[in-house]
Amino acid sequence: MMTLEQDDTVIHESHIPDVLHALQPHDGVPLVFDSPHSGTTFPEDFTCNATEWQLRMNRDIFVDELFAHVTDHGAGLLCALFPRVFIDPNRNAREIDPSMLAEPWPEPLKQTRKTKAGMGVIRKYIVKGTLMHDRPLGVAEVQSWIETYHAPYHRTLAEMIDRAHERHGAVWHINCHSTKSRGAAMNIDEGQMRADIILSDLEGKTTDPAFINLAAECFREKGYSISLNYPFRGAELIHRFGDPDNDRHSIQIEINRGLYIDESTYEKSADFENLRRDLEDVTARLAAFVMDQVGNE
């Protein structure tokens, strides 16, 4: 952990090359954003069956850039630098399909809907029917990936959330993603058009309703269509960090990529800056809300 000065504000900075980058204002608001799926850096010796296009389309492209403004509003921001298709921070470390392994895992594994769909912590399929890896994976190899990439991400996010909670007595967390404009073959809404903004709280389990309702209101007022908990309910990170009974509130946001990129090329569209400005306005309102909640207007 190091500190730096940014516009006269002390920023706590954590950086692990190729793993993560985090910024958190020392005297900021108790609001933490994280982008676990926008990374692009694979280990040098990594190989797989996926094409460059398949790897690109499975990334939350530009989400880290869309939310880069949040520290200007006193919020923290954590970004993974490694790709989700290599190892997914938004999964439990034991969400592993044993059929991918060269030998048995030494402890019980979690078989979830995501694991069965081939989208566990280690990706089985890059697209439906196409294996990500061209060989069985060794247990020691996967354990090393988890310890080097997945565990530091979870540890850093926990530290950021705990620091804000300790300072203010409450904390709000937003887990940030992007989504294809239409459900893909590996999703429960295959072929369906998606809302502009999808907000999730594990169907009411990870936040006080006022927080997710305010986020929805902010986006609706700007003309965006909203879906709550469909087709995404939220996953490991809001499950782990959302605990409203103890003043820890966590929601997931999915932004429709059709709002800001050309999905045929995955390049920024002319609307990118409009969306970025709208997100900054929403962040300002949410930051004001959380400071009002802790009585520090």
Protein backbone atom coordinates (compact mmCIF):
# COMPACT_ATOMS: atom_id res chain seq x y z
CA MET A 1 0.00 0.00 0.00
CA MET A 2 1.24 3.45 -0.85
CA THR A 3 -0.27 6.93 -0.83
CA LEU A 4 -0.26 9.67 -3.42
CA GLU A 5 -1.62 13.17 -3.79
CA GLN A 6 -4.50 13.83 -6.21
CA ASP A 7 -5.93 17.35 -6.22
CA ASP A 8 -4.87 17.79 -2.58
CA THR A 9 -6.62 14.56 -1.58
CA VAL A 10 -4.59 11.72 -0.10
CA ILE A 11 -5.23 8.55 -2.09
CA HIS A 12 -4.40 5.07 -0.83
CA GLU A 13 -3.05 3.15 -3.82
CA SER A 14 -2.55 -0.61 -4.15
CA HIS A 15 -0.91 -1.97 -7.28
CA ILE A 16 0.14 -5.53 -8.04
CA PRO A 17 1.56 -5.77 -11.59
CA ASP A 18 -0.71 -7.78 -13.91
CA VAL A 19 -3.10 -8.48 -11.00
CA LEU A 20 -4.90 -5.38 -9.71
CA HIS A 21 -4.92 -1.64 -9.26
CA ALA A 22 -6.84 0.12 -6.50
CA LEU A 23 -7.38 3.74 -5.46
CA GLN A 24 -9.20 4.91 -2.33
CA PRO A 25 -9.35 8.49 -1.02
CA HIS A 26 -8.27 8.65 2.63
CA ASP A 27 -11.00 11.07 3.67
CA GLY A 28 -13.54 10.01 1.08
CA VAL A 29 -17.06 8.70 1.13
CA PRO A 30 -17.94 5.13 2.25
CA LEU A 31 -18.55 4.01 -1.32
CA VAL A 32 -16.41 1.42 -3.15
CA PHE A 33 -16.64 0.42 -6.81
CA ASP A 34 -14.95 -2.61 -8.33
CA SER A 35 -14.50 -3.86 -11.90
CA PRO A 36 -13.48 -7.53 -11.79
CA HIS A 37 -13.92 -8.35 -15.50
CA SER A 38 -12.21 -5.52 -17.42
CA GLY A 39 -8.64 -6.86 -17.27
CA THR A 40 -6.63 -7.84 -20.34
CA THR A 41 -3.25 -9.17 -19.15
CA PHE A 42 -2.72 -12.95 -19.34
CA PRO A 43 0.30 -14.71 -17.81
CA GLU A 44 3.09 -14.97 -20.36
CA ASP A 45 2.90 -18.77 -20.53
CA PHE A 46 -0.91 -18.96 -20.77
CA THR A 47 -2.40 -20.89 -23.69
CA CYS A 48 -5.99 -21.71 -24.60
CA ASN A 49 -8.33 -22.66 -27.44
CA ALA A 50 -10.05 -19.26 -27.65
CA THR A 51 -9.62 -16.85 -30.54
CA GLU A 52 -8.64 -13.23 -29.96
CA TRP A 53 -12.21 -12.20 -30.80
CA GLN A 54 -13.71 -14.65 -28.31
CA LEU A 55 -11.41 -13.35 -25.58
CA ARG A 56 -12.34 -9.75 -26.41
CA MET A 57 -16.09 -10.37 -26.40
CA ASN A 58 -15.91 -12.04 -22.98
CA ARG A 59 -14.36 -9.00 -21.32
CA ASP A 60 -16.23 -6.13 -19.67
CA ILE A 61 -14.69 -3.81 -22.19
CA PHE A 62 -13.94 -0.23 -21.08
CA VAL A 63 -15.82 -0.64 -17.77
CA ASP A 64 -12.71 0.40 -15.85
CA GLU A 65 -12.57 3.55 -17.97
CA LEU A 66 -16.28 4.28 -17.58
CA PHE A 67 -15.89 4.32 -13.80
CA ALA A 68 -12.45 5.96 -13.58
CA HIS A 69 -14.12 9.17 -12.33
CA VAL A 70 -15.35 7.74 -9.03
CA THR A 71 -12.31 8.79 -6.99
CA ASP A 72 -13.08 12.39 -7.96
CA HIS A 73 -16.26 11.97 -5.91
CA GLY A 74 -14.46 10.44 -2.93
CA ALA A 75 -15.23 6.80 -3.75
CA GLY A 76 -12.77 3.91 -4.00
CA LEU A 77 -12.10 1.94 -7.18
CA LEU A 78 -10.58 -1.52 -7.62
CA CYS A 79 -9.86 -2.99 -11.07
CA ALA A 80 -8.62 -6.46 -11.97
CA LEU A 81 -5.83 -6.39 -14.56
CA PHE A 82 -6.18 -10.07 -15.51
CA PRO A 83 -9.01 -11.40 -17.71
CA ARG A 84 -12.10 -13.12 -16.32
CA VAL A 85 -11.71 -15.96 -18.83
CA PHE A 86 -8.36 -16.77 -17.21
CA ILE A 87 -9.67 -16.67 -13.64
CA ASP A 88 -12.88 -15.04 -12.46
CA PRO A 89 -12.83 -12.92 -9.27
CA ASN A 90 -16.64 -12.92 -9.27
CA ARG A 91 -16.77 -16.62 -8.47
CA ASN A 92 -16.08 -18.56 -5.30
CA ALA A 93 -12.58 -20.06 -5.36
CA ARG A 94 -14.12 -23.55 -5.13
CA GLU A 95 -16.51 -23.13 -8.07
CA ILE A 96 -14.47 -25.54 -10.18
CA ASP A 97 -15.71 -28.21 -12.57
CA PRO A 98 -13.73 -31.34 -11.60
CA SER A 99 -13.89 -32.64 -15.18
CA MET A 100 -11.36 -29.93 -16.10
CA LEU A 101 -8.73 -31.28 -13.72
CA ALA A 102 -5.97 -33.82 -14.28
CA GLU A 103 -6.36 -35.17 -10.72
CA PRO A 104 -8.87 -34.85 -7.85
CA TRP A 105 -9.14 -31.56 -5.96
CA PRO A 106 -8.01 -32.04 -2.32
CA GLU A 107 -11.17 -30.56 -0.77
CA PRO A 108 -14.90 -30.38 -1.63
CA LEU A 109 -15.81 -28.23 -4.64
CA LYS A 110 -18.92 -26.09 -5.15
CA GLN A 111 -21.14 -27.20 -8.01
CA THR A 112 -23.34 -24.22 -8.88
CA ARG A 113 -25.39 -23.16 -11.88
CA LYS A 114 -22.41 -21.18 -13.13
CA THR A 115 -20.06 -24.13 -12.75
CA LYS A 116 -22.46 -26.42 -14.59
CA ALA A 117 -22.69 -23.85 -17.42
CA GLY A 118 -18.90 -23.88 -17.77
CA MET A 119 -18.43 -20.45 -16.19
CA GLY A 120 -16.86 -21.24 -12.83
CA VAL A 121 -13.78 -19.59 -11.34
CA ILE A 122 -11.79 -21.31 -14.11
CA ARG A 123 -13.61 -21.08 -17.41
CA LYS A 124 -14.51 -24.42 -19.01
CA TYR A 125 -16.15 -23.06 -22.18
CA ILE A 126 -15.22 -19.86 -23.99
CA VAL A 127 -18.51 -20.10 -25.91
CA LYS A 128 -21.13 -22.81 -25.72
CA GLY A 129 -19.61 -26.11 -26.89
CA THR A 130 -16.04 -24.79 -27.29
CA LEU A 131 -13.59 -25.73 -24.53
CA MET A 132 -11.41 -22.93 -23.17
CA HIS A 133 -8.46 -25.22 -22.46
CA ASP A 134 -6.82 -27.79 -24.71
CA ARG A 135 -5.66 -30.03 -21.84
CA PRO A 136 -6.59 -31.10 -18.32
CA LEU A 137 -5.40 -28.61 -15.72
CA GLY A 138 -3.15 -29.62 -12.83
CA VAL A 139 -4.39 -28.99 -9.29
CA ALA A 140 -1.15 -27.23 -8.29
CA GLU A 141 -1.43 -25.03 -11.38
CA VAL A 142 -4.98 -23.93 -10.59
CA GLN A 143 -4.15 -23.42 -6.92
CA SER A 144 -1.27 -21.16 -7.96
CA TRP A 145 -3.58 -19.09 -10.16
CA ILE A 146 -6.06 -18.69 -7.31
CA GLU A 147 -3.36 -17.62 -4.85
CA THR A 148 -1.68 -15.23 -7.28
CA TYR A 149 -4.75 -13.55 -8.81
CA HIS A 150 -8.10 -14.39 -7.22
CA ALA A 151 -7.08 -14.20 -3.55
CA PRO A 152 -5.33 -10.79 -3.75
CA TYR A 153 -8.34 -9.29 -5.50
CA HIS A 154 -10.71 -10.50 -2.80
CA ARG A 155 -8.30 -9.48 -0.06
CA THR A 156 -7.84 -5.96 -1.45
CA LEU A 157 -11.57 -5.41 -1.92
CA ALA A 158 -12.21 -6.62 1.64
CA GLU A 159 -9.58 -4.18 2.95
CA MET A 160 -11.13 -1.26 1.05
CA ILE A 161 -14.63 -2.06 2.26
CA ASP A 162 -13.47 -2.66 5.83
CA ARG A 163 -11.52 0.62 5.87
CA ALA A 164 -14.56 2.61 4.77
CA HIS A 165 -16.82 0.80 7.24
CA GLU A 166 -14.41 1.36 10.11
CA ARG A 167 -14.20 5.08 9.37
CA HIS A 168 -17.91 5.73 8.80
CA GLY A 169 -19.77 2.85 10.48
CA ALA A 170 -21.37 1.83 7.17
CA VAL A 171 -20.28 1.14 3.60
CA TRP A 172 -21.83 0.83 0.14
CA HIS A 173 -20.28 -1.27 -2.64
CA ILE A 174 -21.03 -1.35 -6.39
CA ASN A 175 -19.76 -4.30 -8.42
CA CYS A 176 -19.45 -3.09 -12.04
CA HIS A 177 -19.93 -5.06 -15.26
CA SER A 178 -21.04 -4.80 -18.87
CA THR A 179 -23.30 -7.13 -20.80
CA LYS A 180 -24.10 -8.03 -24.37
CA SER A 181 -27.23 -6.31 -25.63
CA ARG A 182 -28.83 -9.71 -26.28
CA GLY A 183 -28.63 -12.88 -24.19
CA ALA A 184 -26.06 -15.39 -25.46
CA ALA A 185 -26.35 -19.18 -25.71
CA MET A 186 -24.79 -19.70 -22.26
CA ASN A 187 -27.29 -17.36 -20.54
CA ILE A 188 -30.78 -17.96 -19.16
CA ASP A 189 -32.18 -15.22 -21.42
CA GLU A 190 -30.75 -16.62 -24.65
CA GLY A 191 -31.81 -14.47 -27.61
CA GLN A 192 -33.64 -11.85 -25.53
CA MET A 193 -32.90 -8.13 -25.77
CA ARG A 194 -31.62 -6.73 -22.48
CA ALA A 195 -32.38 -3.56 -20.55
CA ASP A 196 -29.93 -0.65 -20.66
CA ILE A 197 -29.03 -1.09 -16.99
CA ILE A 198 -29.42 -4.28 -14.95
CA LEU A 199 -29.19 -3.87 -11.17
CA SER A 200 -28.93 -6.84 -8.84
CA ASP A 201 -28.89 -7.51 -5.10
CA LEU A 202 -29.45 -11.28 -4.96
CA GLU A 203 -33.16 -10.50 -4.88
CA GLY A 204 -33.05 -8.28 -1.83
CA LYS A 205 -30.34 -10.03 0.18
CA THR A 206 -27.31 -7.74 -0.18
CA THR A 207 -28.50 -4.17 0.37
CA ASP A 208 -31.06 -1.97 1.97
CA PRO A 209 -33.69 -1.41 -0.75
CA ALA A 210 -33.17 2.36 -0.61
CA PHE A 211 -29.75 2.04 -2.25
CA ILE A 212 -30.70 -0.07 -5.25
CA ASN A 213 -33.95 1.88 -5.66
CA LEU A 214 -32.05 5.17 -5.75
CA ALA A 215 -29.63 3.80 -8.35
CA ALA A 216 -32.59 2.69 -10.48
CA GLU A 217 -34.26 6.08 -10.10
CA CYS A 218 -31.08 7.91 -11.14
CA PHE A 219 -30.81 5.92 -14.36
CA ARG A 220 -34.54 6.10 -15.16
CA GLU A 221 -34.45 9.88 -14.83
CA LYS A 222 -31.77 9.91 -17.51
CA GLY A 223 -33.93 7.83 -19.83
CA TYR A 224 -32.36 4.40 -19.38
CA SER A 225 -34.44 1.23 -19.18
CA ILE A 226 -33.92 -0.78 -15.98
CA SER A 227 -34.17 -4.43 -15.02
CA LEU A 228 -33.85 -5.67 -11.43
CA ASN A 229 -32.29 -9.09 -10.77
CA TYR A 230 -32.91 -10.40 -14.30
CA PRO A 231 -31.18 -11.99 -16.09
CA PHE A 232 -28.46 -11.49 -13.46
CA ARG A 233 -29.11 -11.83 -9.72
CA GLY A 234 -25.54 -11.03 -8.72
CA ALA A 235 -22.71 -13.41 -7.94
CA GLU A 236 -19.86 -14.04 -5.52
CA LEU A 237 -18.66 -10.52 -4.78
CA ILE A 238 -21.96 -9.01 -3.68
CA HIS A 239 -22.77 -12.29 -1.92
CA ARG A 240 -19.54 -12.04 0.05
CA PHE A 241 -19.59 -8.33 0.84
CA GLY A 242 -23.30 -7.52 1.08
CA ASP A 243 -24.49 -7.66 4.70
CA PRO A 244 -27.18 -5.00 5.20
CA ASP A 245 -27.89 -6.07 8.79
CA ASN A 246 -24.36 -4.86 9.58
CA ASP A 247 -24.53 -1.72 7.41
CA ARG A 248 -22.66 -3.25 4.47
CA HIS A 249 -24.63 -2.71 1.27
CA SER A 250 -23.64 -4.24 -2.05
CA ILE A 251 -25.21 -4.19 -5.51
CA GLN A 252 -24.18 -5.32 -8.98
CA ILE A 253 -24.58 -3.17 -12.08
CA GLU A 254 -24.52 -4.45 -15.67
CA ILE A 255 -24.31 -1.85 -18.43
CA ASN A 256 -25.63 -2.78 -21.86
CA ARG A 257 -22.68 -2.59 -24.28
CA GLY A 258 -24.95 -1.30 -26.99
CA LEU A 259 -24.96 2.00 -25.08
CA TYR A 260 -21.28 2.71 -25.64
CA ILE A 261 -19.61 0.37 -28.17
CA ASP A 262 -20.21 -0.98 -31.64
CA GLU A 263 -20.77 -4.64 -30.82
CA SER A 264 -19.63 -5.71 -34.29
CA THR A 265 -16.17 -4.22 -33.74
CA TYR A 266 -15.94 -3.72 -29.94
CA GLU A 267 -14.76 -0.17 -30.53
CA LYS A 268 -16.15 2.85 -28.66
CA SER A 269 -19.22 4.41 -30.23
CA ALA A 270 -20.09 8.09 -30.47
CA ASP A 271 -22.24 7.66 -27.34
CA PHE A 272 -19.38 6.60 -25.07
CA GLU A 273 -18.80 10.06 -23.60
CA ASN A 274 -22.52 10.65 -23.03
CA LEU A 275 -22.73 7.45 -21.00
CA ARG A 276 -19.56 8.28 -19.08
CA ARG A 277 -20.98 11.69 -18.13
CA ASP A 278 -24.28 10.12 -17.05
CA LEU A 279 -22.42 7.61 -14.89
CA GLU A 280 -20.51 10.45 -13.27
CA ASP A 281 -23.79 12.22 -12.46
CA VAL A 282 -25.17 9.01 -10.95
CA THR A 283 -22.00 8.54 -8.90
CA ALA A 284 -22.32 12.07 -7.52
CA ARG A 285 -25.90 11.38 -6.41
CA LEU A 286 -25.00 8.05 -4.83
CA ALA A 287 -22.02 9.61 -3.03
CA ALA A 288 -24.28 12.33 -1.64
CA PHE A 289 -26.77 9.67 -0.53
CA VAL A 290 -24.22 7.62 1.40
CA MET A 291 -22.77 10.67 3.13
CA ASP A 292 -26.27 11.70 4.13
CA GLN A 293 -26.81 8.21 5.57
CA VAL A 294 -23.75 8.47 7.79
CA GLY A 295 -24.57 12.03 8.84
CA ASN A 296 -21.59 13.77 7.23
CA GLU A 297 -23.11 16.13 4.70
